[in-house]
PDB file of N, CA and C in Angstrom:
ATOM      1  N   MET A   1      90.823  78.933 111.789  1.00  0.00           N
ATOM      2  CA  MET A   1      91.875  78.830 112.315  1.00  0.00           C
ATOM      3  C   MET A   1      92.653  77.193 111.493  1.00  0.00           C
ATOM      4  N   LEU A   2      93.786  77.051 110.449  1.00  0.00           N
ATOM      5  CA  LEU A   2      94.136  76.065 110.334  1.00  0.00           C
ATOM      6  C   LEU A   2      94.829  75.106 111.421  1.00  0.00           C
ATOM      7  N   HIS A   3      94.703  73.652 111.468  1.00  0.00           N
ATOM      8  CA  HIS A   3      95.490  73.027 112.776  1.00  0.00           C
ATOM      9  C   HIS A   3      97.032  73.098 112.516  1.00  0.00           C
ATOM     10  N   PRO A   4      97.645  73.342 113.396  1.00  0.00           N
ATOM     11  CA  PRO A   4      99.269  73.394 113.260  1.00  0.00           C
ATOM     12  C   PRO A   4      99.862  72.590 112.191  1.00  0.00           C
ATOM     13  N   GLU A   5     100.000  71.174 111.984  1.00  0.00           N
ATOM     14  CA  GLU A   5     100.089  70.197 111.107  1.00  0.00           C
ATOM     15  C   GLU A   5      99.624  70.039 109.796  1.00  0.00           C
ATOM     16  N   THR A   6      98.398  70.902 109.683  1.00  0.00           N
ATOM     17  CA  THR A   6      97.966  71.097 108.568  1.00  0.00           C
ATOM     18  C   THR A   6      98.661  72.476 108.108  1.00  0.00           C
ATOM     19  N   LEU A   7      99.076  73.250 108.631  1.00  0.00           N
ATOM     20  CA  LEU A   7      99.500  74.367 107.917  1.00  0.00           C
ATOM     21  C   LEU A   7     100.972  74.134 108.066  1.00  0.00           C
ATOM     22  N   GLU A   8     101.733  73.000 108.520  1.00  0.00           N
ATOM     23  CA  GLU A   8     103.012  72.845 108.362  1.00  0.00           C
ATOM     24  C   GLU A   8     103.398  72.105 107.094  1.00  0.00           C
ATOM     25  N   SER A   9     102.364  70.676 106.755  1.00  0.00           N
ATOM     26  CA  SER A   9     102.154  70.259 105.759  1.00  0.00           C
ATOM     27  C   SER A   9     101.836  70.869 104.116  1.00  0.00           C
ATOM     28  N   TYR A  10     101.266  72.572 104.370  1.00  0.00           N
ATOM     29  CA  TYR A  10     101.268  73.307 103.443  1.00  0.00           C
ATOM     30  C   TYR A  10     102.459  73.831 102.842  1.00  0.00           C
ATOM     31  N   ARG A  11     103.252  73.963 104.072  1.00  0.00           N
ATOM     32  CA  ARG A  11     104.578  74.711 104.514  1.00  0.00           C
ATOM     33  C   ARG A  11     105.305  73.855 103.294  1.00  0.00           C
ATOM     34  N   ARG A  12     105.407  72.784 103.774  1.00  0.00           N
ATOM     35  CA  ARG A  12     106.501  72.057 103.470  1.00  0.00           C
ATOM     36  C   ARG A  12     106.171  71.798 101.176  1.00  0.00           C
ATOM     37  N   MET A  13     104.888  71.922 101.331  1.00  0.00           N
ATOM     38  CA  MET A  13     104.447  71.436  99.638  1.00  0.00           C
ATOM     39  C   MET A  13     105.102  72.590  98.358  1.00  0.00           C
ATOM     40  N   THR A  14     105.677  71.822  97.139  1.00  0.00           N
ATOM     41  CA  THR A  14     105.812  72.808  96.506  1.00  0.00           C
ATOM     42  C   THR A  14     104.855  73.466  95.976  1.00  0.00           C
ATOM     43  N   MET A  15     105.740  74.418  95.052  1.00  0.00           N
ATOM     44  CA  MET A  15     104.372  75.597  94.687  1.00  0.00           C
ATOM     45  C   MET A  15     103.348  74.596  93.771  1.00  0.00           C
ATOM     46  N   SER A  16     104.409  74.066  92.819  1.00  0.00           N
ATOM     47  CA  SER A  16     103.194  73.247  92.065  1.00  0.00           C
ATOM     48  C   SER A  16     101.642  72.281  92.727  1.00  0.00           C
ATOM     49  N   GLU A  17     102.155  71.702  94.048  1.00  0.00           N
ATOM     50  CA  GLU A  17     101.825  70.761  94.355  1.00  0.00           C
ATOM     51  C   GLU A  17     100.450  72.130  95.214  1.00  0.00           C
ATOM     52  N   ARG A  18     100.821  73.010  95.248  1.00  0.00           N
ATOM     53  CA  ARG A  18      99.900  74.016  96.177  1.00  0.00           C
ATOM     54  C   ARG A  18      98.791  74.851  94.984  1.00  0.00           C
ATOM     55  N   LEU A  19      99.387  74.676  93.396  1.00  0.00           N
ATOM     56  CA  LEU A  19      98.460  74.886  92.541  1.00  0.00           C
ATOM     57  C   LEU A  19      97.883  74.339  92.563  1.00  0.00           C
ATOM     58  N   ARG A  20      97.933  72.939  91.890  1.00  0.00           N
ATOM     59  CA  ARG A  20      97.686  71.473  91.955  1.00  0.00           C
ATOM     60  C   ARG A  20      96.386  71.463  93.195  1.00  0.00           C
ATOM     61  N   LEU A  21      96.671  71.559  94.387  1.00  0.00           N
ATOM     62  CA  LEU A  21      95.635  71.617  95.818  1.00  0.00           C
ATOM     63  C   LEU A  21      94.766  73.216  95.138  1.00  0.00           C
ATOM     64  N   THR A  22      94.924  73.876  94.819  1.00  0.00           N
ATOM     65  CA  THR A  22      94.130  75.326  94.914  1.00  0.00           C
ATOM     66  C   THR A  22      93.014  75.415  93.789  1.00  0.00           C
ATOM     67  N   LEU A  23      93.885  74.642  92.423  1.00  0.00           N
ATOM     68  CA  LEU A  23      93.020  74.090  90.850  1.00  0.00           C
ATOM     69  C   LEU A  23      91.827  73.347  91.828  1.00  0.00           C
ATOM     70  N   ALA A  24      92.192  72.091  92.063  1.00  0.00           N
ATOM     71  CA  ALA A  24      91.342  70.927  92.504  1.00  0.00           C
ATOM     72  C   ALA A  24      90.275  72.312  93.133  1.00  0.00           C
ATOM     73  N   MET A  25      90.779  72.448  94.578  1.00  0.00           N
ATOM     74  CA  MET A  25      89.111  72.792  95.399  1.00  0.00           C
ATOM     75  C   MET A  25      88.731  74.462  95.197  1.00  0.00           C
ATOM     76  N   THR A  26      89.086  74.970  94.027  1.00  0.00           N
ATOM     77  CA  THR A  26      88.427  75.744  92.615  1.00  0.00           C
ATOM     78  C   THR A  26      87.121  74.907  91.855  1.00  0.00           C
ATOM     79  N   SER A  27      88.092  73.923  91.265  1.00  0.00           N
ATOM     80  CA  SER A  27      87.093  73.211  90.564  1.00  0.00           C
ATOM     81  C   SER A  27      85.933  72.531  90.820  1.00  0.00           C
ATOM     82  N   GLU A  28      86.254  71.996  92.736  1.00  0.00           N
ATOM     83  CA  GLU A  28      85.409  70.893  93.353  1.00  0.00           C
ATOM     84  C   GLU A  28      83.982  72.067  93.519  1.00  0.00           C
ATOM     85  N   ASN A  29      84.195  73.202  94.150  1.00  0.00           N
ATOM     86  CA  ASN A  29      83.472  74.250  95.293  1.00  0.00           C
ATOM     87  C   ASN A  29      83.585  74.943  94.206  1.00  0.00           C
ATOM     88  N   GLY A  30      83.188  75.749  93.095  1.00  0.00           N
ATOM     89  CA  GLY A  30      83.510  76.835  92.135  1.00  0.00           C
ATOM     90  C   GLY A  30      81.884  76.427  92.132  1.00  0.00           C
ATOM     91  N   PRO A  31      81.080  75.832  91.190  1.00  0.00           N
ATOM     92  CA  PRO A  31      79.648  75.661  90.962  1.00  0.00           C
ATOM     93  C   PRO A  31      78.831  75.787  92.924  1.00  0.00           C
ATOM     94  N   ARG A  32      79.190  75.429  93.544  1.00  0.00           N
ATOM     95  CA  ARG A  32      78.613  75.786  95.003  1.00  0.00           C
ATOM     96  C   ARG A  32      78.305  77.461  95.335  1.00  0.00           C
ATOM     97  N   MET A  33      79.858  78.067  94.368  1.00  0.00           N
ATOM     98  CA  MET A  33      79.371  79.716  95.077  1.00  0.00           C
ATOM     99  C   MET A  33      78.038  79.973  94.193  1.00  0.00           C
ATOM    100  N   PHE A  34      77.410  79.431  93.198  1.00  0.00           N
ATOM    101  CA  PHE A  34      77.057  80.414  92.330  1.00  0.00           C
ATOM    102  C   PHE A  34      75.324  79.345  92.591  1.00  0.00           C
ATOM    103  N   ARG A  35      75.124  78.823  93.334  1.00  0.00           N
ATOM    104  CA  ARG A  35      73.260  77.891  93.993  1.00  0.00           C
ATOM    105  C   ARG A  35      73.383  78.856  95.100  1.00  0.00           C
ATOM    106  N   GLY A  36      71.988  79.046  94.490  1.00  0.00           N
ATOM    107  CA  GLY A  36      70.860  79.548  95.362  1.00  0.00           C
ATOM    108  C   GLY A  36      70.344  81.288  94.258  1.00  0.00           C
ATOM    109  N   THR A  37      69.391  81.196  95.547  1.00  0.00           N
ATOM    110  CA  THR A  37      68.940  82.575  94.684  1.00  0.00           C
ATOM    111  C   THR A  37      70.057  83.531  94.945  1.00  0.00           C
ATOM    112  N   THR A  38      70.278  84.710  94.027  1.00  0.00           N
ATOM    113  CA  THR A  38      69.985  86.192  93.887  1.00  0.00           C
ATOM    114  C   THR A  38      70.475  86.878  94.609  1.00  0.00           C
ATOM    115  N   GLU A  39      70.143  87.014  95.874  1.00  0.00           N
ATOM    116  CA  GLU A  39      70.249  87.054  97.508  1.00  0.00           C
ATOM    117  C   GLU A  39      71.165  86.569  98.148  1.00  0.00           C
ATOM    118  N   GLN A  40      71.211  84.919  97.945  1.00  0.00           N
ATOM    119  CA  GLN A  40      72.179  84.036  98.583  1.00  0.00           C
ATOM    120  C   GLN A  40      73.260  83.872  98.206  1.00  0.00           C
ATOM    121  N   ILE A  41      73.537  84.496  96.742  1.00  0.00           N
ATOM    122  CA  ILE A  41      74.777  84.312  96.223  1.00  0.00           C
ATOM    123  C   ILE A  41      75.651  85.898  96.051  1.00  0.00           C
ATOM    124  N   ASP A  42      74.866  87.065  96.193  1.00  0.00           N
ATOM    125  CA  ASP A  42      74.792  88.273  96.515  1.00  0.00           C
ATOM    126  C   ASP A  42      75.575  88.343  97.985  1.00  0.00           C
ATOM    127  N   ARG A  43      75.049  87.219  99.268  1.00  0.00           N
ATOM    128  CA  ARG A  43      75.452  87.487 100.539  1.00  0.00           C
ATOM    129  C   ARG A  43      76.693  87.007 100.953  1.00  0.00           C
ATOM    130  N   ARG A  44      76.801  85.672  99.801  1.00  0.00           N
ATOM    131  CA  ARG A  44      77.714  84.328  99.990  1.00  0.00           C
ATOM    132  C   ARG A  44      79.269  85.927  99.480  1.00  0.00           C
ATOM    133  N   PHE A  45      79.296  85.983  98.599  1.00  0.00           N
ATOM    134  CA  PHE A  45      80.845  87.144  97.883  1.00  0.00           C
ATOM    135  C   PHE A  45      80.261  88.283  98.607  1.00  0.00           C
ATOM    136  N   GLN A  46      79.722  88.618  99.089  1.00  0.00           N
ATOM    137  CA  GLN A  46      79.932  89.994 100.489  1.00  0.00           C
ATOM    138  C   GLN A  46      81.018  89.639 101.430  1.00  0.00           C
ATOM    139  N   LEU A  47      80.037  88.627 102.086  1.00  0.00           N
ATOM    140  CA  LEU A  47      81.397  87.669 103.081  1.00  0.00           C
ATOM    141  C   LEU A  47      82.324  87.603 102.402  1.00  0.00           C
ATOM    142  N   LEU A  48      82.717  86.873 101.206  1.00  0.00           N
ATOM    143  CA  LEU A  48      83.957  86.779 100.752  1.00  0.00           C
ATOM    144  C   LEU A  48      85.051  88.439 101.008  1.00  0.00           C
ATOM    145  N   ARG A  49      84.151  89.158 100.528  1.00  0.00           N
ATOM    146  CA  ARG A  49      84.816  90.031 100.523  1.00  0.00           C
ATOM    147  C   ARG A  49      85.195  91.009 102.169  1.00  0.00           C
ATOM    148  N   ILE A  50      84.799  90.530 103.172  1.00  0.00           N
ATOM    149  CA  ILE A  50      84.714  91.159 103.964  1.00  0.00           C
ATOM    150  C   ILE A  50      85.648  90.417 104.923  1.00  0.00           C
ATOM    151  N   GLN A  51      86.066  89.187 104.142  1.00  0.00           N
ATOM    152  CA  GLN A  51      86.918  88.087 104.993  1.00  0.00           C
ATOM    153  C   GLN A  51      88.286  88.925 104.801  1.00  0.00           C
ATOM    154  N   ASN A  52      87.917  88.838 102.600  1.00  0.00           N
ATOM    155  CA  ASN A  52      89.362  88.855 102.077  1.00  0.00           C
ATOM    156  C   ASN A  52      89.980  90.451 102.760  1.00  0.00           C
ATOM    157  N   ASP A  53      89.507  91.437 103.058  1.00  0.00           N
ATOM    158  CA  ASP A  53      89.629  93.103 102.904  1.00  0.00           C
ATOM    159  C   ASP A  53      89.779  92.640 104.670  1.00  0.00           C
ATOM    160  N   ASP A  54      89.318  92.114 105.801  1.00  0.00           N
ATOM    161  CA  ASP A  54      90.018  92.335 107.211  1.00  0.00           C
ATOM    162  C   ASP A  54      91.155  91.334 106.643  1.00  0.00           C
ATOM    163  N   ARG A  55      91.567  90.004 106.343  1.00  0.00           N
ATOM    164  CA  ARG A  55      92.614  89.696 105.860  1.00  0.00           C
ATOM    165  C   ARG A  55      93.947  90.768 105.694  1.00  0.00           C
ATOM    166  N   ASN A  56      93.818  91.172 104.613  1.00  0.00           N
ATOM    167  CA  ASN A  56      94.936  91.820 103.415  1.00  0.00           C
ATOM    168  C   ASN A  56      94.883  93.095 105.167  1.00  0.00           C
ATOM    169  N   ARG A  57      94.170  93.859 105.470  1.00  0.00           N
ATOM    170  CA  ARG A  57      93.845  94.723 106.593  1.00  0.00           C
ATOM    171  C   ARG A  57      94.495  94.192 107.822  1.00  0.00           C
ATOM    172  N   ARG A  58      95.478  92.869 108.109  1.00  0.00           N
ATOM    173  CA  ARG A  58      95.365  92.587 109.227  1.00  0.00           C
ATOM    174  C   ARG A  58      97.382  92.302 108.219  1.00  0.00           C
ATOM    175  N   MET A  59      97.299  92.201 107.431  1.00  0.00           N
ATOM    176  CA  MET A  59      98.431  91.593 106.883  1.00  0.00           C
ATOM    177  C   MET A  59      99.756  93.233 106.731  1.00  0.00           C
ATOM    178  N   LEU A  60      98.687  94.286 106.294  1.00  0.00           N
ATOM    179  CA  LEU A  60      99.719  95.343 106.231  1.00  0.00           C
ATOM    180  C   LEU A  60      99.354  96.097 107.427  1.00  0.00           C
ATOM    181  N   GLU A  61      98.426  95.940 108.451  1.00  0.00           N
ATOM    182  CA  GLU A  61      99.266  96.368 109.788  1.00  0.00           C
ATOM    183  C   GLU A  61     100.826  95.631 110.505  1.00  0.00           C
ATOM    184  N   ALA A  62     100.649  94.018 110.326  1.00  0.00           N
ATOM    185  CA  ALA A  62     101.566  93.480 110.656  1.00  0.00           C
ATOM    186  C   ALA A  62     102.876  93.747 109.859  1.00  0.00           C
ATOM    187  N   ILE A  63     102.720  93.850 108.783  1.00  0.00           N
ATOM    188  CA  ILE A  63     103.878  95.338 108.273  1.00  0.00           C
ATOM    189  C   ILE A  63     103.899  96.343 108.733  1.00  0.00           C
ATOM    190  N   ALA A  64     103.253  96.831 108.836  1.00  0.00           N
ATOM    191  CA  ALA A  64     103.585  98.652 108.872  1.00  0.00           C
ATOM    192  C   ALA A  64     104.197  97.899 110.885  1.00  0.00           C
ATOM    193  N   ARG A  65     104.019  97.067 111.262  1.00  0.00           N
ATOM    194  CA  ARG A  65     104.372  96.855 112.710  1.00  0.00           C
ATOM    195  C   ARG A  65     106.102  96.382 112.745  1.00  0.00           C
ATOM    196  N   THR A  66     106.790  95.692 111.406  1.00  0.00           N
ATOM    197  CA  THR A  66     107.492  95.191 111.306  1.00  0.00           C
ATOM    198  C   THR A  66     108.634  96.210 110.556  1.00  0.00           C
ATOM    199  N   ARG A  67     108.180  97.082 109.791  1.00  0.00           N
ATOM    200  CA  ARG A  67     109.257  97.987 108.981  1.00  0.00           C
ATOM    201  C   ARG A  67     109.206  98.735 111.206  1.00  0.00           C
ATOM    202  N   LYS A  68     108.627  99.199 111.232  1.00  0.00           N
ATOM    203  CA  LYS A  68     108.784 100.224 112.324  1.00  0.00           C
ATOM    204  C   LYS A  68     109.638 100.265 113.655  1.00  0.00           C
ATOM    205  N   THR A  69     109.946  98.997 113.710  1.00  0.00           N
ATOM    206  CA  THR A  69     110.701  98.225 114.654  1.00  0.00           C
ATOM    207  C   THR A  69     112.088  97.630 113.891  1.00  0.00           C
ATOM    208  N   ASN A  70     112.342  97.362 112.422  1.00  0.00           N
ATOM    209  CA  ASN A  70     113.026  97.075 112.127  1.00  0.00           C
ATOM    210  C   ASN A  70     113.884  98.417 111.341  1.00  0.00           C
ATOM    211  N   GLY A  71     112.943 100.071 111.218  1.00  0.00           N
ATOM    212  CA  GLY A  71     113.019 100.735 110.177  1.00  0.00           C
ATOM    213  C   GLY A  71     113.568 102.024 111.450  1.00  0.00           C
TER     214      GLY A  71
END
């Protein structure tokens, strides 16, 4: 979880500032994603998939809850 001040600074960014930050982070960290053995790389990407699936599931559950209370 990010610090509330960090979240607030991200919220104040324009879309182009967020995109610039995202591209810079991808450029800096992308090559590291492919370092190591095939097994290490596979585990790294599997963990990312698990984290993304969990985040998507929680967002969909939150959307479903708001639709039940507003609908």
